[in-house]
Protein backbone atom coordinates (compact mmCIF):
# COMPACT_ATOMS: atom_id res chain seq x y z
CA UNK A 1 -108.84 84.87 -173.80
CA UNK A 2 -109.96 86.49 -177.06
CA UNK A 3 -107.69 85.63 -179.99
CA UNK A 4 -106.88 89.23 -180.90
CA UNK A 5 -105.80 90.20 -177.38
CA UNK A 6 -103.77 86.99 -177.06
CA UNK A 7 -102.04 87.74 -180.37
CA UNK A 8 -101.28 91.28 -179.21
CA UNK A 9 -99.79 89.98 -175.96
CA UNK A 10 -97.58 87.57 -177.90
CA UNK A 11 -96.44 90.36 -180.21
CA UNK A 12 -95.76 92.67 -177.25
CA UNK A 13 -93.86 89.89 -175.47
CA UNK A 14 -91.67 89.42 -178.54
CA UNK A 15 -91.06 93.14 -178.89
CA UNK A 16 -90.20 93.68 -175.23
CA UNK A 17 -87.95 90.62 -175.13
CA UNK A 18 -86.01 91.92 -178.11
CA UNK A 19 -85.80 95.41 -176.59
CA UNK A 20 -84.44 93.88 -173.38
CA UNK A 21 -81.57 92.21 -175.25
CA UNK A 22 -81.04 95.07 -177.69
CA UNK A 23 -80.59 97.58 -174.86
CA UNK A 24 -78.12 95.30 -173.10
CA UNK A 25 -76.01 95.17 -176.27
CA UNK A 26 -76.29 98.90 -176.89
CA UNK A 27 -75.33 99.47 -173.25
CA UNK A 28 -72.16 97.43 -173.71
CA UNK A 29 -71.36 99.48 -176.82
CA UNK A 30 -71.92 102.76 -174.93
CA UNK A 31 -69.60 101.59 -172.15
CA UNK A 32 -66.84 100.83 -174.67
CA UNK A 33 -67.39 104.21 -176.31
CA UNK A 34 -66.80 106.00 -173.00
CA UNK A 35 -70.40 106.80 -172.01
CA UNK A 36 -70.87 104.98 -168.67
CA UNK A 37 -74.07 106.82 -167.73
CA UNK A 38 -75.68 106.19 -171.10
CA UNK A 39 -74.66 102.55 -170.67
CA UNK A 40 -76.32 102.54 -167.24
CA UNK A 41 -79.47 104.04 -168.72
CA UNK A 42 -79.58 101.29 -171.35
CA UNK A 43 -79.14 98.64 -168.63
CA UNK A 44 -81.88 100.14 -166.46
CA UNK A 45 -84.39 100.37 -169.29
CA UNK A 46 -83.41 96.87 -170.41
CA UNK A 47 -84.59 95.69 -167.00
CA UNK A 48 -87.86 97.61 -167.37
CA UNK A 49 -88.45 95.91 -170.73
CA UNK A 50 -87.81 92.55 -169.07
CA UNK A 51 -90.52 93.40 -166.52
CA UNK A 52 -92.95 94.21 -169.35
CA UNK A 53 -92.12 91.02 -171.23
CA UNK A 54 -92.63 89.00 -168.04
CA UNK A 55 -96.02 90.62 -167.42
CA UNK A 56 -97.17 89.87 -170.98
CA UNK A 57 -95.93 86.28 -170.75
CA UNK A 58 -97.69 85.76 -167.42
CA UNK A 59 -100.98 86.98 -168.90
CA UNK A 60 -100.56 84.27 -171.55
CA UNK A 61 -99.98 81.50 -168.99
CA UNK A 62 -103.16 79.65 -169.98
CA UNK A 63 -102.59 80.14 -173.70
CA UNK A 64 -100.07 77.35 -174.33
CA UNK A 65 -98.78 76.26 -177.71
CA UNK A 66 -96.29 77.24 -180.39
CA UNK A 67 -96.80 80.49 -182.28
CA UNK A 68 -94.96 82.44 -184.91
CA UNK A 69 -94.69 85.90 -183.38
CA UNK A 70 -94.37 89.04 -185.47
CA UNK A 71 -92.96 91.98 -183.52
CA UNK A 72 -91.70 95.41 -184.48
CA UNK A 73 -87.99 95.58 -183.68
CA UNK A 74 -85.12 97.97 -184.34
CA UNK A 75 -81.89 96.41 -185.59
CA UNK A 76 -78.35 97.66 -185.97
CA UNK A 77 -75.30 98.06 -183.74
CA UNK A 78 -73.55 101.32 -184.48
CA UNK A 79 -72.22 104.32 -182.61
CA UNK A 80 -74.08 105.22 -179.43
CA UNK A 81 -75.79 108.20 -181.04
CA UNK A 82 -77.12 105.94 -183.82
CA UNK A 83 -78.25 103.32 -181.32
CA UNK A 84 -80.11 106.01 -179.39
CA UNK A 85 -81.94 107.08 -182.56
CA UNK A 86 -83.17 103.50 -182.92
CA UNK A 87 -84.11 103.33 -179.23
CA UNK A 88 -86.14 106.54 -179.52
CA UNK A 89 -87.87 105.26 -182.67
CA UNK A 90 -88.79 101.98 -180.95
CA UNK A 91 -90.11 103.64 -177.81
CA UNK A 92 -92.06 106.21 -179.83
CA UNK A 93 -93.70 103.49 -181.93
CA UNK A 94 -94.77 101.63 -178.79
CA UNK A 95 -95.98 104.83 -177.12
CA UNK A 96 -97.86 106.36 -180.05
CA UNK A 97 -99.09 103.35 -182.02
CA UNK A 98 -98.64 99.86 -180.60
CA UNK A 99 -99.71 100.08 -176.97
CA UNK A 100 -102.63 102.51 -177.45
CA UNK A 101 -104.10 100.11 -180.04
CA UNK A 102 -103.45 97.02 -177.92
CA UNK A 103 -104.89 98.72 -174.84
CA UNK A 104 -108.03 99.77 -176.69
CA UNK A 105 -108.56 96.24 -178.02
CA UNK A 106 -108.02 94.59 -174.64
CA UNK A 107 -110.44 97.02 -173.01
CA UNK A 108 -113.08 96.43 -175.68
CA UNK A 109 -112.70 92.67 -175.19
CA UNK A 110 -112.88 93.04 -171.38
CA UNK A 111 -109.49 91.40 -170.82
CA UNK A 112 -108.62 93.06 -167.51
CA UNK A 113 -105.21 91.44 -167.01
CA UNK A 114 -104.07 92.40 -170.50
CA UNK A 115 -105.32 95.95 -169.94
CA UNK A 116 -103.09 96.23 -166.87
CA UNK A 117 -100.09 94.71 -168.64
CA UNK A 118 -100.41 97.03 -171.66
CA UNK A 119 -101.08 100.07 -169.47
CA UNK A 120 -98.00 99.39 -167.34
CA UNK A 121 -95.81 99.18 -170.43
CA UNK A 122 -97.31 102.25 -172.10
CA UNK A 123 -96.77 104.34 -168.96
CA UNK A 124 -93.09 103.42 -168.82
CA UNK A 125 -92.32 103.87 -172.53
CA UNK A 126 -93.11 107.59 -172.26
CA UNK A 127 -90.35 108.03 -169.68
CA UNK A 128 -87.97 105.84 -171.68
CA UNK A 129 -88.36 107.93 -174.84
CA UNK A 130 -87.71 111.17 -172.93
CA UNK A 131 -84.61 109.76 -171.21
CA UNK A 132 -83.20 108.42 -174.47
CA UNK A 133 -83.70 111.84 -176.11
CA UNK A 134 -81.66 113.46 -173.34
CA UNK A 135 -78.98 110.81 -173.79
CA UNK A 136 -78.80 111.44 -177.52
CA UNK A 137 -78.36 115.18 -177.01
CA UNK A 138 -75.41 114.44 -174.73
CA UNK A 139 -73.87 111.84 -177.06
CA UNK A 140 -74.22 114.18 -180.05
CA UNK A 141 -72.25 116.78 -178.08
CA UNK A 142 -69.55 114.19 -177.34
CA UNK A 143 -70.48 114.07 -173.67
CA UNK A 144 -71.82 111.47 -171.31
CA UNK A 145 -75.34 111.94 -169.94
CA UNK A 146 -75.69 113.63 -166.54
CA UNK A 147 -77.82 111.02 -164.81
CA UNK A 148 -78.78 110.38 -161.22
CA UNK A 149 -80.00 107.06 -159.86
CA UNK A 150 -82.50 105.36 -162.17
CA UNK A 151 -85.34 103.59 -160.35
CA UNK A 152 -87.37 100.77 -161.92
CA UNK A 153 -90.48 99.21 -160.38
CA UNK A 154 -90.09 95.46 -160.70
CA UNK A 155 -93.88 94.98 -160.87
CA UNK A 156 -94.88 97.36 -163.68
CA UNK A 157 -91.59 98.71 -165.06
CA UNK A 158 -92.32 102.33 -164.06
CA UNK A 159 -89.10 104.29 -164.59
CA UNK A 160 -87.85 107.50 -163.03
CA UNK A 161 -84.64 109.30 -162.20
CA UNK A 162 -84.03 110.38 -158.62
CA UNK A 163 -85.48 109.25 -155.31
CA UNK A 164 -87.81 106.27 -155.00
CA UNK A 165 -91.41 107.27 -154.23
CA UNK A 166 -93.10 105.67 -151.21
CA UNK A 167 -95.47 103.92 -153.61
CA UNK A 168 -95.27 103.31 -157.32
CA UNK A 169 -97.54 105.89 -158.99
CA UNK A 170 -98.58 103.38 -161.66
CA UNK A 171 -99.21 100.08 -159.86
CA UNK A 172 -99.21 101.18 -156.20
CA UNK A 173 -96.61 98.78 -154.78
CA UNK A 174 -94.30 99.86 -151.94
CA UNK A 175 -90.88 101.39 -152.54
CA UNK A 176 -89.14 98.12 -151.63
CA UNK A 177 -90.15 96.77 -155.05
CA UNK A 178 -87.92 99.26 -156.90
CA UNK A 179 -84.56 98.27 -158.32
CA UNK A 180 -81.94 101.02 -158.30
CA UNK A 181 -79.37 101.54 -161.04
CA UNK A 182 -77.07 103.87 -159.12
CA UNK A 183 -74.37 106.15 -160.39
CA UNK A 184 -70.95 104.58 -159.98
CA UNK A 185 -68.06 106.61 -158.70
CA UNK A 186 -65.27 107.19 -161.17
CA UNK A 187 -62.36 104.76 -161.34
CA UNK A 188 -60.00 107.41 -159.91
CA UNK A 189 -62.40 108.08 -157.01
CA UNK A 190 -62.60 104.37 -156.25
CA UNK A 191 -58.80 104.08 -156.32
CA UNK A 192 -58.44 107.01 -153.89
CA UNK A 193 -60.99 105.49 -151.48
CA UNK A 194 -59.28 102.10 -151.79
CA UNK A 195 -55.87 103.61 -150.96
CA UNK A 196 -57.28 105.53 -148.00
CA UNK A 197 -58.85 102.32 -146.72
CA UNK A 198 -55.53 100.48 -146.90
CA UNK A 199 -53.75 103.28 -145.01
CA UNK A 200 -56.36 103.13 -142.25
CA UNK A 201 -55.96 99.40 -141.72
């Protein structure tokens, strides 16, 4: 593999790995702050970032060795609205600057696997930025996000809200490869159903 594409894959792996953990932590914070759907969105997108990191790492499977990896990363653990600002900034950077440049380099160097890996990630980051913007609008209004089921393709990280398509529009795999982050019923609803179940026994 060409050195520049390999370096870009390592950087992207580092950035996606950090995003994966950062979103998990911000999701926990959103849950504590009383925003369960925003927390679920963070968890879903955390999984998508894990898929991207895994794809980048797999492309580097023949490039063994120890490397110091420089990656753009957002830091800070504040209120959910603040965390969403950082999430939007990170996704926008990847969407507008990082992945277009990495994709162009990989294509120029004829590194087909890296092209796929970068393209998959770039396609998903656009959806992530839009969903985080909606979440911030809700959080700024003191409300939780209205959010249906979030679907993540476990091959390319494609992300959407709603029903699973028959095939992933990005990588083409069947719908069985999607992981669903479904809306949970409220605690009161679950208690009512639980009580009704006990009475029917």
